[in-house]
N, C-alpha and C. Protein backbone atom coordinates (compact mmCIF):
# COMPACT_ATOMS: atom_id res chain seq x y z
N MET A 1 -31.49 -18.90 -0.10
CA MET A 1 -30.59 -17.87 -0.58
C MET A 1 -29.58 -18.52 -1.51
N THR A 2 -29.46 -17.95 -2.67
CA THR A 2 -28.54 -18.49 -3.64
C THR A 2 -27.13 -17.96 -3.37
N LEU A 3 -26.19 -18.55 -4.05
CA LEU A 3 -24.80 -18.13 -3.90
C LEU A 3 -24.61 -16.68 -4.36
N THR A 4 -25.31 -16.28 -5.39
CA THR A 4 -25.21 -14.90 -5.89
C THR A 4 -25.72 -13.91 -4.86
N GLU A 5 -26.86 -14.23 -4.24
CA GLU A 5 -27.41 -13.34 -3.21
C GLU A 5 -26.48 -13.25 -2.01
N ALA A 6 -25.90 -14.37 -1.61
CA ALA A 6 -24.97 -14.37 -0.48
C ALA A 6 -23.73 -13.56 -0.81
N THR A 7 -23.25 -13.67 -2.03
CA THR A 7 -22.09 -12.90 -2.45
C THR A 7 -22.39 -11.41 -2.46
N LEU A 8 -23.56 -11.03 -2.94
CA LEU A 8 -23.94 -9.62 -2.94
C LEU A 8 -24.08 -9.07 -1.53
N LEU A 9 -24.65 -9.88 -0.64
CA LEU A 9 -24.78 -9.46 0.76
C LEU A 9 -23.41 -9.31 1.41
N GLY A 10 -22.50 -10.22 1.13
CA GLY A 10 -21.15 -10.12 1.66
C GLY A 10 -20.42 -8.91 1.12
N ARG A 11 -20.60 -8.63 -0.17
CA ARG A 11 -19.96 -7.47 -0.77
C ARG A 11 -20.49 -6.18 -0.15
N GLU A 12 -21.80 -6.13 0.06
CA GLU A 12 -22.38 -4.94 0.68
C GLU A 12 -21.91 -4.78 2.13
N ALA A 13 -21.74 -5.88 2.83
CA ALA A 13 -21.24 -5.83 4.20
C ALA A 13 -19.81 -5.29 4.24
N LEU A 14 -18.97 -5.78 3.34
CA LEU A 14 -17.60 -5.30 3.29
C LEU A 14 -17.53 -3.83 2.89
N TRP A 15 -18.38 -3.42 1.96
CA TRP A 15 -18.40 -2.02 1.54
C TRP A 15 -18.85 -1.12 2.70
N THR A 16 -19.82 -1.58 3.49
CA THR A 16 -20.28 -0.81 4.64
C THR A 16 -19.19 -0.69 5.69
N VAL A 17 -18.46 -1.76 5.92
CA VAL A 17 -17.34 -1.71 6.87
C VAL A 17 -16.28 -0.73 6.39
N LEU A 18 -16.01 -0.73 5.10
CA LEU A 18 -15.03 0.20 4.53
C LEU A 18 -15.48 1.64 4.67
N LEU A 19 -16.75 1.90 4.41
CA LEU A 19 -17.26 3.25 4.52
C LEU A 19 -17.27 3.75 5.96
N VAL A 20 -17.64 2.89 6.88
CA VAL A 20 -17.76 3.31 8.28
C VAL A 20 -16.39 3.38 8.96
N GLY A 21 -15.53 2.43 8.70
CA GLY A 21 -14.22 2.41 9.36
C GLY A 21 -13.13 3.15 8.63
N GLY A 22 -13.32 3.40 7.36
CA GLY A 22 -12.30 4.03 6.54
C GLY A 22 -11.83 5.41 7.00
N PRO A 23 -12.75 6.32 7.29
CA PRO A 23 -12.29 7.65 7.70
C PRO A 23 -11.41 7.64 8.94
N ALA A 24 -11.76 6.87 9.94
CA ALA A 24 -10.95 6.80 11.16
C ALA A 24 -9.58 6.18 10.86
N LEU A 25 -9.56 5.16 10.03
CA LEU A 25 -8.28 4.54 9.68
C LEU A 25 -7.39 5.46 8.85
N LEU A 26 -7.98 6.21 7.93
CA LEU A 26 -7.20 7.13 7.11
C LEU A 26 -6.62 8.27 7.95
N VAL A 27 -7.42 8.78 8.89
CA VAL A 27 -6.92 9.85 9.76
C VAL A 27 -5.80 9.31 10.64
N THR A 28 -5.96 8.10 11.16
CA THR A 28 -4.91 7.50 11.98
C THR A 28 -3.63 7.31 11.16
N LEU A 29 -3.77 6.87 9.94
CA LEU A 29 -2.62 6.70 9.06
C LEU A 29 -1.91 8.03 8.80
N ALA A 30 -2.68 9.07 8.52
CA ALA A 30 -2.08 10.38 8.23
C ALA A 30 -1.39 10.95 9.46
N VAL A 31 -2.05 10.89 10.61
CA VAL A 31 -1.45 11.43 11.83
C VAL A 31 -0.23 10.61 12.22
N GLY A 32 -0.29 9.30 12.10
CA GLY A 32 0.84 8.45 12.43
C GLY A 32 2.04 8.70 11.54
N THR A 33 1.79 8.89 10.24
CA THR A 33 2.88 9.18 9.31
C THR A 33 3.51 10.54 9.62
N LEU A 34 2.67 11.53 9.87
CA LEU A 34 3.18 12.86 10.20
C LEU A 34 4.00 12.82 11.49
N LEU A 35 3.52 12.12 12.49
CA LEU A 35 4.26 12.03 13.75
C LEU A 35 5.55 11.23 13.59
N SER A 36 5.54 10.21 12.76
CA SER A 36 6.77 9.45 12.52
C SER A 36 7.84 10.30 11.86
N VAL A 37 7.43 11.09 10.89
CA VAL A 37 8.37 12.00 10.24
C VAL A 37 8.89 13.02 11.25
N LEU A 38 8.00 13.56 12.06
CA LEU A 38 8.41 14.52 13.08
C LEU A 38 9.38 13.90 14.09
N GLN A 39 9.11 12.67 14.49
CA GLN A 39 10.02 11.99 15.42
C GLN A 39 11.36 11.67 14.77
N ALA A 40 11.35 11.35 13.51
CA ALA A 40 12.61 11.07 12.82
C ALA A 40 13.45 12.34 12.68
N VAL A 41 12.79 13.46 12.43
CA VAL A 41 13.51 14.72 12.28
C VAL A 41 14.09 15.18 13.61
N THR A 42 13.30 15.06 14.67
CA THR A 42 13.75 15.53 15.98
C THR A 42 14.53 14.48 16.76
N GLN A 43 14.55 13.27 16.28
CA GLN A 43 15.21 12.13 16.92
C GLN A 43 14.68 11.86 18.32
N VAL A 44 13.39 12.11 18.52
CA VAL A 44 12.71 11.78 19.77
C VAL A 44 11.84 10.57 19.47
N HIS A 45 12.21 9.42 20.00
CA HIS A 45 11.49 8.18 19.71
C HIS A 45 10.79 7.67 20.95
N GLU A 46 9.76 8.37 21.32
CA GLU A 46 8.96 7.98 22.49
C GLU A 46 7.60 7.49 21.99
N GLN A 47 7.21 6.30 22.39
CA GLN A 47 5.97 5.70 21.90
C GLN A 47 4.74 6.46 22.37
N THR A 48 4.79 6.99 23.58
CA THR A 48 3.61 7.67 24.11
C THR A 48 3.33 8.98 23.39
N LEU A 49 4.34 9.58 22.76
CA LEU A 49 4.11 10.83 22.03
C LEU A 49 3.26 10.62 20.78
N SER A 50 3.28 9.44 20.23
CA SER A 50 2.48 9.19 19.02
C SER A 50 1.09 8.66 19.35
N PHE A 51 0.88 8.15 20.54
CA PHE A 51 -0.40 7.54 20.87
C PHE A 51 -1.49 8.58 21.10
N LEU A 52 -1.21 9.58 21.90
CA LEU A 52 -2.24 10.57 22.26
C LEU A 52 -2.76 11.37 21.06
N PRO A 53 -1.91 11.88 20.17
CA PRO A 53 -2.45 12.60 19.00
C PRO A 53 -3.32 11.71 18.11
N LYS A 54 -2.93 10.45 17.94
CA LYS A 54 -3.76 9.54 17.12
C LYS A 54 -5.09 9.29 17.81
N LEU A 55 -5.06 9.11 19.11
CA LEU A 55 -6.30 8.89 19.87
C LEU A 55 -7.22 10.10 19.76
N LEU A 56 -6.68 11.29 19.90
CA LEU A 56 -7.49 12.50 19.78
C LEU A 56 -8.03 12.69 18.36
N ALA A 57 -7.23 12.37 17.36
CA ALA A 57 -7.68 12.51 15.97
C ALA A 57 -8.83 11.55 15.67
N VAL A 58 -8.71 10.32 16.13
CA VAL A 58 -9.79 9.34 15.91
C VAL A 58 -11.04 9.74 16.67
N ALA A 59 -10.88 10.23 17.89
CA ALA A 59 -12.03 10.69 18.67
C ALA A 59 -12.74 11.84 17.96
N LEU A 60 -11.97 12.75 17.36
CA LEU A 60 -12.56 13.85 16.62
C LEU A 60 -13.32 13.36 15.38
N VAL A 61 -12.72 12.42 14.66
CA VAL A 61 -13.39 11.86 13.48
C VAL A 61 -14.69 11.15 13.88
N LEU A 62 -14.64 10.40 14.97
CA LEU A 62 -15.84 9.70 15.42
C LEU A 62 -16.90 10.67 15.93
N ALA A 63 -16.48 11.75 16.58
CA ALA A 63 -17.45 12.73 17.06
C ALA A 63 -18.12 13.45 15.89
N VAL A 64 -17.34 13.77 14.87
CA VAL A 64 -17.90 14.49 13.71
C VAL A 64 -18.76 13.57 12.85
N GLY A 65 -18.30 12.35 12.63
CA GLY A 65 -18.99 11.46 11.69
C GLY A 65 -19.89 10.41 12.32
N ALA A 66 -20.15 10.50 13.61
CA ALA A 66 -20.93 9.46 14.28
C ALA A 66 -22.35 9.34 13.71
N GLY A 67 -22.97 10.46 13.42
CA GLY A 67 -24.33 10.42 12.88
C GLY A 67 -24.39 9.74 11.53
N TRP A 68 -23.45 10.10 10.66
CA TRP A 68 -23.41 9.50 9.34
C TRP A 68 -23.08 8.01 9.42
N MET A 69 -22.11 7.65 10.29
CA MET A 69 -21.73 6.25 10.45
C MET A 69 -22.90 5.42 10.96
N ALA A 70 -23.62 5.96 11.94
CA ALA A 70 -24.78 5.25 12.47
C ALA A 70 -25.87 5.09 11.40
N ALA A 71 -26.06 6.12 10.60
CA ALA A 71 -27.06 6.04 9.52
C ALA A 71 -26.69 4.97 8.50
N GLU A 72 -25.41 4.87 8.17
CA GLU A 72 -24.96 3.83 7.23
C GLU A 72 -25.19 2.43 7.81
N LEU A 73 -24.88 2.25 9.08
CA LEU A 73 -25.07 0.94 9.70
C LEU A 73 -26.55 0.58 9.79
N VAL A 74 -27.39 1.57 10.11
CA VAL A 74 -28.84 1.32 10.17
C VAL A 74 -29.37 0.97 8.79
N ARG A 75 -28.90 1.69 7.77
CA ARG A 75 -29.33 1.42 6.39
C ARG A 75 -28.96 0.00 5.98
N PHE A 76 -27.73 -0.42 6.29
CA PHE A 76 -27.31 -1.77 5.96
C PHE A 76 -28.13 -2.80 6.72
N GLY A 77 -28.33 -2.57 8.00
CA GLY A 77 -29.11 -3.52 8.80
C GLY A 77 -30.55 -3.63 8.32
N THR A 78 -31.14 -2.51 7.97
CA THR A 78 -32.53 -2.51 7.49
C THR A 78 -32.65 -3.29 6.19
N ARG A 79 -31.72 -3.05 5.26
CA ARG A 79 -31.78 -3.78 3.99
C ARG A 79 -31.48 -5.26 4.18
N SER A 80 -30.58 -5.59 5.10
CA SER A 80 -30.25 -7.00 5.33
C SER A 80 -31.44 -7.75 5.92
N PHE A 81 -32.10 -7.13 6.90
CA PHE A 81 -33.26 -7.79 7.51
C PHE A 81 -34.43 -7.86 6.54
N ALA A 82 -34.60 -6.84 5.71
CA ALA A 82 -35.66 -6.89 4.70
C ALA A 82 -35.39 -8.00 3.70
N HIS A 83 -34.13 -8.16 3.33
CA HIS A 83 -33.78 -9.23 2.40
C HIS A 83 -33.95 -10.60 3.06
N ALA A 84 -33.61 -10.72 4.32
CA ALA A 84 -33.78 -11.98 5.05
C ALA A 84 -35.26 -12.35 5.15
N ALA A 85 -36.12 -11.35 5.31
CA ALA A 85 -37.55 -11.62 5.38
C ALA A 85 -38.08 -12.11 4.05
N GLU A 86 -37.54 -11.59 2.95
CA GLU A 86 -37.96 -12.04 1.62
C GLU A 86 -37.50 -13.47 1.34
N VAL A 87 -36.33 -13.83 1.83
CA VAL A 87 -35.77 -15.16 1.58
C VAL A 87 -36.58 -16.22 2.30
N THR A 88 -37.07 -15.93 3.50
CA THR A 88 -37.79 -16.92 4.29
C THR A 88 -39.19 -17.17 3.78
N ARG A 89 -39.73 -16.30 2.93
CA ARG A 89 -41.09 -16.50 2.41
C ARG A 89 -41.14 -17.56 1.37
């Protein structure tokens, strides 16, 4: 495997991680920001009030997007193993 092939494989791995993990992270960011603003306005600074809504939002994102996320991971794994088989020949 050349350096270029390894770089392309690493880039594809990072892109797959971004695609699969990005939606959950963005939803957590949005819910956390909204809850922080709400806590600042109401002056209620309880840590447990922000944990449960973020947990539920991430669970919802994972429930809705689990099929697509699994398909992306399988696609990446299939292409990686196919490429590894070509390199060993």
